[in-house]
Amino acid sequence: AHTRLPIVAAMLRSALLLAGACTASAFAPAALPAHRAQSRSGVTMQLWGEGKVQGRGVQAIPFSAPPSTLPADMVGYVGFDPLGFSTLVDIRLLRESELKHGRAAMLAAAGAIAQDLFTFPGVE
């Protein structure tokens, strides 16, 4: 039984190293291909069954105009910024931060579940 312990420890170290590398790559910025980097058309979303482009003609907050600093070419744009975050910070930075924090939260949730499901050798 003692001869298998170094093998298990080496496998555990390899698995942790691989998991760390995969986690780090999730936070690395993705490079766009050269032909897509010049494209500015963007993705459009449509309302179901009406054929209207989402966000056009929709007023998110009644009797209030959207901030002029809020870019209208973002996917899902409906002019909703009631606290005026787009006037304080670049909205693209906030969108990127939200994605990174969401990924970290998903990893944390998976780690919490893994602690209940798995028992690693040498850990009591």
Foldseek 3Di string as FASTA:
>chain_A
DVVCVVVLVVVVVVVVVVVVVVLVVVLDDDDDPPVCVPDDQADWDDDPPPRDTPQVPAAPDPPDAADPLDDPRDYPDNRDDVPPVSVVDPVVVVVSVVVNVVSVVVVVVVVVVCVVVDDRPPDD
